[in-house]
Structure formats: C-alpha cells, structure tokens
Amino acid sequence: MIQPVKEKIILGIDPGTTIMGYGVLRVVGTRAEMIAMGIIDLRKFGDHYLKLRHIHERVLSIIESYLPDELAIEAPFFGKNVQSMLKLGRAQGVAMAVALSRDIPITEYAPLKIKMAITGNGQASKEQVADMLQRMLHFDKRDMPTFMDATDALAAAYCHYLQMGRPVVEKSYRGWKDFVAKNPDKVSR
C-alpha cells in the first residue's frame, strides 16, 4: 500500500524591531515551495512595547492563516549596542512565545548557518541569499520583496527544510574496517 505524502508547513522568521520578516514554506515529500513571504512593519510605532504588541498580533495572525507545523527563527547575532540587542531579543521572544502558545516546535539558526545552507557561503549578502532562494524555489523575480527581511525569513525556513532531509546517523564509523567490525551481519565474507 502506498503511503500518502505528508505535508509540512514551515514558518520562518527574521526578527527585527523595525522590520520583521516572515516566510512560509510548504513541504510535500522532498519538494518545498514558497507559500508566502512578507514583513511586519514596525516603523510607525514609536514605543517599543507597542511594537511588541504588534509583533504578537501579526505573528498570531500569520500562524492562524498558514497553520505552520514548525517555526525556524534566525538567532540574534551579537552586536556592540546592548540596548539594541535587548530589544531584538524581546522581539524574537514575543514571536517565539506566540509559536509556543500554539504548540509549534521552534528551531533557532545562526545567520551564518542559514547563509551557508542557502548559498554555500556564510558571508553571503542578503541579495545573494534572495537570488539563490528565487532560483531554488522558482518564484518570479517580480515576487521579490522590497525588504530583504522577508527573504531572510524564507531562508530560515528553507534552511530548516534542508536540515529535515538529513537522516540521523545512529552509529559513526572511522572507515571501512570499522564499519565491517560493527556490522558483521551486513557484510558477506
């Protein structure tokens, strides 16, 4: 009997206190496709607490619209400005809390890991990441967002998709002789 191919929805978030990006991927079997990407524009809010409330409302709305199975979020990088880092951490925390309130598992990825997964270069520019995503996910150049925060979020989701496809290795081997020694039943002599 053929098993039906299971669908999974991954929400990616690029946290920010001015612009927060989001991207949504649908994974069916081994194929990923972009469903949506966009931004949460926080520039009109002068008060940081109002920004946090708006993040909560919008992330909740996105979750209710797309019903993601998992959340992939970019981890904040360490900066020199402690106040900026604190505000960014709060924004990320609010997005994570919304996902947790809906029992959505969260995986955090460092920016370097995301860039490496998408382009093969941990120092790639936002434009290089966006261009590579456009090619891999086959969406039209006209769908490319103005703010790269949206493609950064989509990159987090796609990085998570790539990580899902790697099987967990239960045993490790130091070479062919080590494999034979640990698996005598799998090798004919």
Protein backbone atom coordinates (compact mmCIF):
# COMPACT_ATOMS: atom_id res chain seq x y z
CA MET A 1 0.00 0.00 0.00
CA ILE A 2 1.34 3.44 -0.93
CA GLN A 3 1.53 5.84 1.98
CA PRO A 4 0.20 9.34 1.31
CA VAL A 5 2.89 12.02 1.14
CA LYS A 6 2.74 14.06 4.29
CA GLU A 7 2.62 17.84 4.05
CA LYS A 8 4.50 20.10 6.42
CA ILE A 9 4.30 23.88 6.72
CA ILE A 10 7.36 25.75 7.99
CA LEU A 11 7.18 29.35 9.15
CA GLY A 12 10.47 31.24 9.04
CA ILE A 13 11.00 34.47 10.97
CA ASP A 14 13.78 37.05 10.74
CA PRO A 15 13.35 39.02 13.98
CA GLY A 16 13.60 42.78 13.93
CA THR A 17 12.44 45.82 15.85
CA THR A 18 11.93 47.98 12.77
CA ILE A 19 11.11 45.39 10.10
CA MET A 20 10.42 41.75 10.96
CA GLY A 21 10.39 39.30 8.07
CA TYR A 22 8.36 36.13 7.67
CA GLY A 23 8.34 33.39 5.07
CA VAL A 24 6.14 30.31 4.75
CA LEU A 25 7.17 27.08 3.00
CA ARG A 26 5.03 24.08 2.16
CA VAL A 27 6.95 20.80 2.07
CA VAL A 28 5.37 17.82 0.35
CA GLY A 29 7.61 14.76 0.33
CA THR A 30 11.01 16.10 -0.70
CA ARG A 31 9.70 19.18 -2.51
CA ALA A 32 9.48 22.65 -0.97
CA GLU A 33 7.50 25.58 -2.33
CA MET A 34 7.05 29.13 -1.11
CA ILE A 35 3.51 29.89 0.03
CA ALA A 36 4.09 33.44 1.27
CA MET A 37 6.65 35.93 2.43
CA GLY A 38 6.36 39.43 3.75
CA ILE A 39 7.22 41.82 6.52
CA ILE A 40 5.77 43.13 9.72
CA ASP A 41 6.42 46.87 9.51
CA LEU A 42 7.11 48.30 12.96
CA ARG A 43 8.38 51.73 11.89
CA LYS A 44 5.13 53.55 12.71
CA PHE A 45 5.31 52.56 16.38
CA GLY A 46 7.43 54.89 18.48
CA ASP A 47 7.01 52.93 21.69
CA HIS A 48 8.92 49.64 21.98
CA TYR A 49 6.10 48.00 23.93
CA LEU A 50 3.60 48.85 21.21
CA LYS A 51 5.98 47.20 18.72
CA LEU A 52 5.99 44.05 20.85
CA ARG A 53 2.19 44.01 20.96
CA HIS A 54 2.03 44.43 17.18
CA ILE A 55 4.56 41.58 16.72
CA HIS A 56 2.36 39.39 18.90
CA GLU A 57 -0.79 40.24 16.95
CA ARG A 58 0.78 39.81 13.49
CA VAL A 59 2.67 36.58 14.26
CA LEU A 60 -0.51 35.14 15.74
CA SER A 61 -2.41 36.17 12.60
CA ILE A 62 0.22 34.55 10.35
CA ILE A 63 0.10 31.35 12.41
CA GLU A 64 -3.70 31.27 12.25
CA SER A 65 -3.62 31.87 8.47
CA TYR A 66 -1.00 29.28 7.49
CA LEU A 67 -1.14 26.79 10.41
CA PRO A 68 2.60 26.02 10.45
CA ASP A 69 3.87 22.75 11.87
CA GLU A 70 7.26 24.21 12.81
CA LEU A 71 8.97 27.57 13.30
CA ALA A 72 12.50 28.32 12.11
CA ILE A 73 13.82 31.58 13.52
CA GLU A 74 17.07 33.42 12.99
CA ALA A 75 19.08 33.78 16.19
CA PRO A 76 20.19 37.30 17.00
CA PHE A 77 23.84 37.95 16.30
CA PHE A 78 25.95 39.66 18.92
CA GLY A 79 26.27 43.39 18.38
CA LYS A 80 28.05 46.17 20.18
CA ASN A 81 24.91 48.03 21.25
CA VAL A 82 23.48 46.26 24.31
CA GLN A 83 20.16 48.15 24.17
CA SER A 84 19.59 47.12 20.54
CA MET A 85 20.39 43.51 21.38
CA LEU A 86 17.96 43.59 24.30
CA LYS A 87 15.17 44.98 22.11
CA LEU A 88 15.88 42.46 19.36
CA GLY A 89 15.84 39.62 21.90
CA ARG A 90 12.48 40.79 23.18
CA ALA A 91 11.05 40.89 19.64
CA GLN A 92 12.36 37.39 18.98
CA GLY A 93 10.99 36.21 22.34
CA VAL A 94 7.50 37.51 21.59
CA ALA A 95 7.44 35.69 18.23
CA MET A 96 8.67 32.51 19.93
CA ALA A 97 6.10 32.82 22.73
CA VAL A 98 3.27 33.06 20.18
CA ALA A 99 4.50 29.88 18.47
CA LEU A 100 4.87 28.10 21.81
CA SER A 101 1.33 29.11 22.79
CA ARG A 102 0.17 27.15 19.72
CA ASP A 103 2.45 24.16 20.48
CA ILE A 104 4.63 24.83 17.44
CA PRO A 105 8.18 23.49 17.84
CA ILE A 106 10.91 26.09 17.36
CA THR A 107 14.39 25.72 15.87
CA GLU A 108 16.84 28.59 16.02
CA TYR A 109 19.52 29.05 13.36
CA ALA A 110 22.56 31.33 13.39
CA PRO A 111 22.69 33.77 10.45
CA LEU A 112 25.96 32.18 9.29
CA LYS A 113 24.36 28.71 9.19
CA ILE A 114 21.38 29.98 7.20
CA LYS A 115 23.59 31.74 4.64
CA MET A 116 25.82 28.68 4.39
CA ALA A 117 22.82 26.37 3.82
CA ILE A 118 21.37 28.58 1.08
CA THR A 119 24.46 29.84 -0.77
CA GLY A 120 27.36 27.73 0.48
CA ASN A 121 28.96 30.95 1.77
CA GLY A 122 28.46 32.09 5.37
CA GLN A 123 29.44 35.63 4.39
CA ALA A 124 26.90 35.93 1.54
CA SER A 125 24.99 39.20 1.16
CA LYS A 126 21.23 39.46 1.65
CA GLU A 127 20.90 39.94 -2.11
CA GLN A 128 22.85 36.73 -2.83
CA VAL A 129 20.63 34.79 -0.42
CA ALA A 130 17.48 36.24 -2.00
CA ASP A 131 18.70 35.47 -5.54
CA MET A 132 19.55 31.87 -4.62
CA LEU A 133 16.14 31.35 -2.96
CA GLN A 134 14.40 32.74 -6.03
CA ARG A 135 16.21 30.19 -8.18
CA MET A 136 15.73 27.22 -5.82
CA LEU A 137 12.06 27.89 -5.11
CA HIS A 138 11.24 29.03 -8.66
CA PHE A 139 9.30 32.16 -7.85
CA ASP A 140 9.10 35.09 -10.22
CA LYS A 141 11.59 37.98 -9.87
CA ARG A 142 8.53 40.25 -9.65
CA ASP A 143 7.64 38.50 -6.37
CA MET A 144 10.96 39.55 -4.86
CA PRO A 145 10.18 41.76 -1.85
CA THR A 146 11.46 45.29 -1.35
CA PHE A 147 12.74 44.41 2.11
CA MET A 148 15.26 41.58 2.29
CA ASP A 149 14.00 40.75 5.79
CA ALA A 150 11.26 38.71 4.07
CA THR A 151 13.77 36.65 2.07
CA ASP A 152 15.94 36.26 5.19
CA ALA A 153 12.91 34.74 6.94
CA LEU A 154 12.22 32.49 3.96
CA ALA A 155 15.90 31.48 4.09
CA ALA A 156 15.48 30.42 7.74
CA ALA A 157 12.50 28.24 6.73
CA TYR A 158 14.42 26.77 3.77
CA CYS A 159 17.47 26.09 5.95
CA HIS A 160 15.17 24.18 8.30
CA TYR A 161 13.75 22.23 5.36
CA LEU A 162 17.29 21.27 4.31
CA GLN A 163 18.11 20.14 7.86
CA MET A 164 14.98 17.94 7.94
CA GLY A 165 16.22 15.94 4.96
CA ARG A 166 19.36 14.74 6.64
CA PRO A 167 18.97 11.37 8.31
CA VAL A 168 20.18 10.98 11.85
CA VAL A 169 23.22 8.75 11.94
CA GLU A 170 22.96 6.41 14.87
CA LYS A 171 26.46 4.99 14.50
CA SER A 172 29.63 6.63 13.33
CA TYR A 173 32.49 4.86 11.63
CA ARG A 174 36.18 5.66 11.28
CA GLY A 175 36.49 3.81 7.99
CA TRP A 176 35.51 0.65 6.13
CA LYS A 177 37.22 -1.72 8.60
CA ASP A 178 35.38 -0.05 11.47
CA PHE A 179 32.05 -0.46 9.59
CA VAL A 180 32.72 -4.18 8.99
CA ALA A 181 33.69 -4.69 12.64
CA LYS A 182 30.47 -3.03 13.88
CA ASN A 183 28.17 -4.65 11.28
CA PRO A 184 29.29 -8.26 10.66
CA ASP A 185 25.71 -9.24 9.73
CA LYS A 186 25.61 -6.71 6.85
CA VAL A 187 28.82 -7.82 5.13
CA SER A 188 29.34 -11.09 3.30
CA ARG A 189 32.80 -12.53 3.68
